């Protein structure tokens, strides 16, 4: 999707997602000490607001201005301090020393022959930091293609995992049941969760 497509999608309804933080994010950050976090594809901001409320210094990226304005409103209502950035991951100007946590929940990152998006995710993680990447499992490829979305065009956890070398420790790489009762994507019942720590 283009930036305009995302703006149109968000503008078409008052809320797209559930409004709750991602369950895998909640589980996988439970033992992490809050630091700096990059929320890739933050959407309406539920994860960013939740992280900020728990002491994380949050930078949240999204290509959609409509989504970011909505997210900023949720943050104001919650009294959460978040830095909102309208940019895609590969276009954003990010600090050279990276983030303690890079969180990418179902990111819409296009695959390229030179793995630009995958490498950008890895480069954003500071030494000693954590990458957390979550995507839907068991996607019905035929149905997705009929809807105009080919999963093969987008970065998956497996694409990122194959680039992890001795500089990384894979702490979680698994299929996990998912229980979401509202919002777009609630019909997905399982995720792939990849958590890796940069040495």
Protein backbone atom coordinates (compact mmCIF):
# COMPACT_ATOMS: atom_id res chain seq x y z
CA UNK A 1 0.00 0.00 0.00
CA UNK A 2 1.08 3.58 -0.58
CA UNK A 3 0.99 6.34 2.02
CA UNK A 4 -2.25 7.64 0.49
CA UNK A 5 -3.83 4.18 0.69
CA UNK A 6 -3.11 4.03 4.43
CA UNK A 7 -4.54 7.52 5.01
CA UNK A 8 -7.68 6.52 3.13
CA UNK A 9 -7.98 3.30 5.12
CA UNK A 10 -7.70 5.06 8.47
CA UNK A 11 -10.01 7.89 7.43
CA UNK A 12 -12.73 5.41 6.46
CA UNK A 13 -13.56 4.57 10.10
CA UNK A 14 -13.16 5.96 13.58
CA UNK A 15 -11.07 2.98 14.68
CA UNK A 16 -9.46 0.12 12.79
CA UNK A 17 -7.60 -1.84 15.47
CA UNK A 18 -8.68 -3.12 18.87
CA UNK A 19 -7.25 -0.23 20.88
CA UNK A 20 -5.41 -2.72 23.12
CA UNK A 21 -1.64 -3.36 23.21
CA UNK A 22 -0.50 -6.42 21.31
CA UNK A 23 -0.50 -9.51 23.52
CA UNK A 24 2.92 -10.66 22.33
CA UNK A 25 4.37 -7.22 23.08
CA UNK A 26 2.97 -7.32 26.61
CA UNK A 27 4.34 -10.82 27.20
CA UNK A 28 7.76 -10.33 25.65
CA UNK A 29 8.55 -7.01 27.34
CA UNK A 30 7.53 -8.18 30.83
CA UNK A 31 11.14 -8.85 31.85
CA UNK A 32 12.77 -5.96 29.95
CA UNK A 33 13.99 -2.83 31.69
CA UNK A 34 12.35 0.21 30.07
CA UNK A 35 14.64 2.22 27.83
CA UNK A 36 14.26 3.66 24.36
CA UNK A 37 11.85 1.97 21.96
CA UNK A 38 11.06 2.33 18.29
CA UNK A 39 7.47 1.32 17.43
CA UNK A 40 7.49 0.51 13.70
CA UNK A 41 4.13 1.00 12.00
CA UNK A 42 2.46 2.27 15.15
CA UNK A 43 -1.00 2.72 13.63
CA UNK A 44 -3.47 4.16 16.11
CA UNK A 45 -0.87 4.08 18.88
CA UNK A 46 -2.11 1.48 21.38
CA UNK A 47 1.32 -0.14 21.75
CA UNK A 48 3.15 3.19 21.91
CA UNK A 49 0.84 4.55 24.61
CA UNK A 50 1.09 1.33 26.62
CA UNK A 51 4.89 1.35 26.45
CA UNK A 52 5.11 5.03 27.42
CA UNK A 53 2.89 4.42 30.43
CA UNK A 54 5.42 1.82 31.59
CA UNK A 55 8.41 4.12 31.45
CA UNK A 56 9.68 3.60 27.91
CA UNK A 57 10.89 6.59 25.87
CA UNK A 58 8.87 5.92 22.73
CA UNK A 59 9.49 6.95 19.14
CA UNK A 60 6.54 5.79 17.00
CA UNK A 61 6.68 5.63 13.20
CA UNK A 62 3.85 5.43 10.71
CA UNK A 63 3.39 6.54 7.12
CA UNK A 64 -0.19 7.67 7.75
CA UNK A 65 -0.80 11.18 9.05
CA UNK A 66 -4.40 10.20 9.85
CA UNK A 67 -3.20 7.32 12.04
CA UNK A 68 -0.60 9.47 13.80
CA UNK A 69 -3.09 12.24 14.57
CA UNK A 70 -5.45 9.65 16.03
CA UNK A 71 -2.62 8.06 18.01
CA UNK A 72 -1.52 11.43 19.38
CA UNK A 73 -5.06 12.03 20.60
CA UNK A 74 -5.08 8.71 22.44
CA UNK A 75 -1.71 9.61 24.00
CA UNK A 76 -3.00 12.98 25.19
CA UNK A 77 -6.04 11.31 26.73
CA UNK A 78 -3.77 8.86 28.57
CA UNK A 79 -1.19 11.45 29.59
CA UNK A 80 1.48 9.56 27.66
CA UNK A 81 4.55 11.23 26.15
CA UNK A 82 5.38 9.79 22.71
CA UNK A 83 7.45 11.15 19.83
CA UNK A 84 5.39 10.64 16.67
CA UNK A 85 7.19 10.48 13.32
CA UNK A 86 5.50 10.34 9.93
CA UNK A 87 7.85 8.13 7.94
CA UNK A 88 8.42 4.62 6.76
CA UNK A 89 11.16 2.61 8.44
CA UNK A 90 13.60 2.90 5.55
CA UNK A 91 12.99 6.65 5.16
CA UNK A 92 13.15 7.67 8.82
CA UNK A 93 16.12 9.50 10.29
CA UNK A 94 16.96 7.35 13.30
CA UNK A 95 19.72 7.76 15.91
CA UNK A 96 22.97 6.03 15.04
CA UNK A 97 23.20 4.19 18.36
CA UNK A 98 19.77 2.64 17.97
CA UNK A 99 17.05 1.70 20.42
CA UNK A 100 16.90 -0.57 23.45
CA UNK A 101 13.82 -2.18 21.87
CA UNK A 102 12.60 -2.21 18.28
CA UNK A 103 8.99 -3.39 18.16
CA UNK A 104 7.36 -4.26 14.84
CA UNK A 105 3.84 -5.65 15.20
CA UNK A 106 2.55 -6.81 11.79
CA UNK A 107 4.63 -4.21 9.94
CA UNK A 108 3.84 -3.57 6.27
CA UNK A 109 7.44 -3.64 5.06
CA UNK A 110 7.99 -4.48 1.40
CA UNK A 111 10.50 -7.16 0.51
CA UNK A 112 13.33 -6.15 -1.81
CA UNK A 113 16.18 -8.19 -3.36
CA UNK A 114 18.70 -6.43 -1.11
CA UNK A 115 16.70 -6.85 2.13
CA UNK A 116 16.57 -3.11 2.81
CA UNK A 117 13.70 -3.25 5.32
CA UNK A 118 15.07 -6.29 7.17
CA UNK A 119 18.47 -4.66 7.51
CA UNK A 120 16.89 -1.40 8.69
CA UNK A 121 15.10 -3.26 11.47
CA UNK A 122 18.36 -4.86 12.62
CA UNK A 123 20.34 -1.62 12.36
CA UNK A 124 17.83 0.20 14.57
CA UNK A 125 18.61 -2.06 17.55
CA UNK A 126 21.31 -0.83 19.92
CA UNK A 127 24.02 -3.21 21.16
CA UNK A 128 22.44 -5.21 23.98
CA UNK A 129 18.98 -4.28 22.71
CA UNK A 130 16.04 -6.40 21.60
CA UNK A 131 14.19 -6.82 18.32
CA UNK A 132 10.59 -7.99 18.63
CA UNK A 133 8.83 -8.85 15.38
CA UNK A 134 5.31 -10.32 15.21
CA UNK A 135 3.29 -11.37 12.16
CA UNK A 136 0.19 -13.41 11.55
CA UNK A 137 0.68 -17.16 11.12
CA UNK A 138 -1.34 -19.49 8.89
CA UNK A 139 -2.34 -16.77 6.45
CA UNK A 140 -4.69 -17.95 3.72
CA UNK A 141 -2.52 -16.94 0.77
CA UNK A 142 -5.20 -17.45 -1.87
CA UNK A 143 -7.74 -15.34 0.00
CA UNK A 144 -5.15 -12.64 0.62
CA UNK A 145 -4.25 -12.49 -3.06
CA UNK A 146 -7.91 -12.27 -4.03
CA UNK A 147 -8.12 -9.24 -1.71
CA UNK A 148 -5.15 -7.67 -3.51
CA UNK A 149 -2.51 -8.50 -0.89
CA UNK A 150 0.21 -11.02 -1.69
CA UNK A 151 1.96 -12.09 1.55
CA UNK A 152 5.09 -12.95 -0.45
CA UNK A 153 5.60 -9.23 -1.17
CA UNK A 154 6.02 -8.36 2.50
CA UNK A 155 8.73 -8.97 5.10
CA UNK A 156 8.07 -11.88 7.44
CA UNK A 157 9.82 -12.93 10.67
CA UNK A 158 11.54 -15.70 8.68
CA UNK A 159 13.04 -13.10 6.34
CA UNK A 160 14.56 -11.29 9.30
CA UNK A 161 15.62 -14.47 11.10
CA UNK A 162 17.74 -15.63 8.16
CA UNK A 163 19.86 -12.47 8.47
CA UNK A 164 20.66 -12.98 12.15
CA UNK A 165 24.32 -13.89 12.56
CA UNK A 166 26.63 -14.45 15.52
CA UNK A 167 25.98 -10.87 16.64
CA UNK A 168 22.48 -11.95 17.67
CA UNK A 169 20.91 -14.34 20.16
CA UNK A 170 17.49 -15.68 19.16
CA UNK A 171 15.45 -15.85 22.37
CA UNK A 172 12.02 -16.66 20.89
CA UNK A 173 11.05 -17.93 17.44
CA UNK A 174 7.68 -19.64 17.62
CA UNK A 175 4.10 -19.90 16.51
CA UNK A 176 1.74 -18.71 19.24
CA UNK A 177 -2.03 -18.69 19.69
CA UNK A 178 -3.63 -15.26 19.54
CA UNK A 179 -6.85 -14.10 21.21
CA UNK A 180 -8.22 -10.77 20.02
CA UNK A 181 -11.93 -10.00 20.16
CA UNK A 182 -12.17 -6.75 18.23
CA UNK A 183 -10.69 -4.70 15.43
CA UNK A 184 -9.34 -5.58 12.01
CA UNK A 185 -7.32 -8.78 12.07
CA UNK A 186 -9.31 -10.30 14.94
CA UNK A 187 -10.01 -13.31 12.71
CA UNK A 188 -6.33 -14.30 12.86
CA UNK A 189 -5.90 -16.89 15.61
CA UNK A 190 -2.11 -17.39 15.61
CA UNK A 191 1.06 -15.35 15.29
CA UNK A 192 4.72 -15.94 14.58
CA UNK A 193 6.80 -14.26 17.28
CA UNK A 194 10.50 -13.53 16.81
CA UNK A 195 12.51 -11.98 19.62
CA UNK A 196 16.26 -11.57 19.24
CA UNK A 197 18.87 -9.79 21.35
CA UNK A 198 21.82 -8.00 19.83
CA UNK A 199 25.03 -8.90 21.63
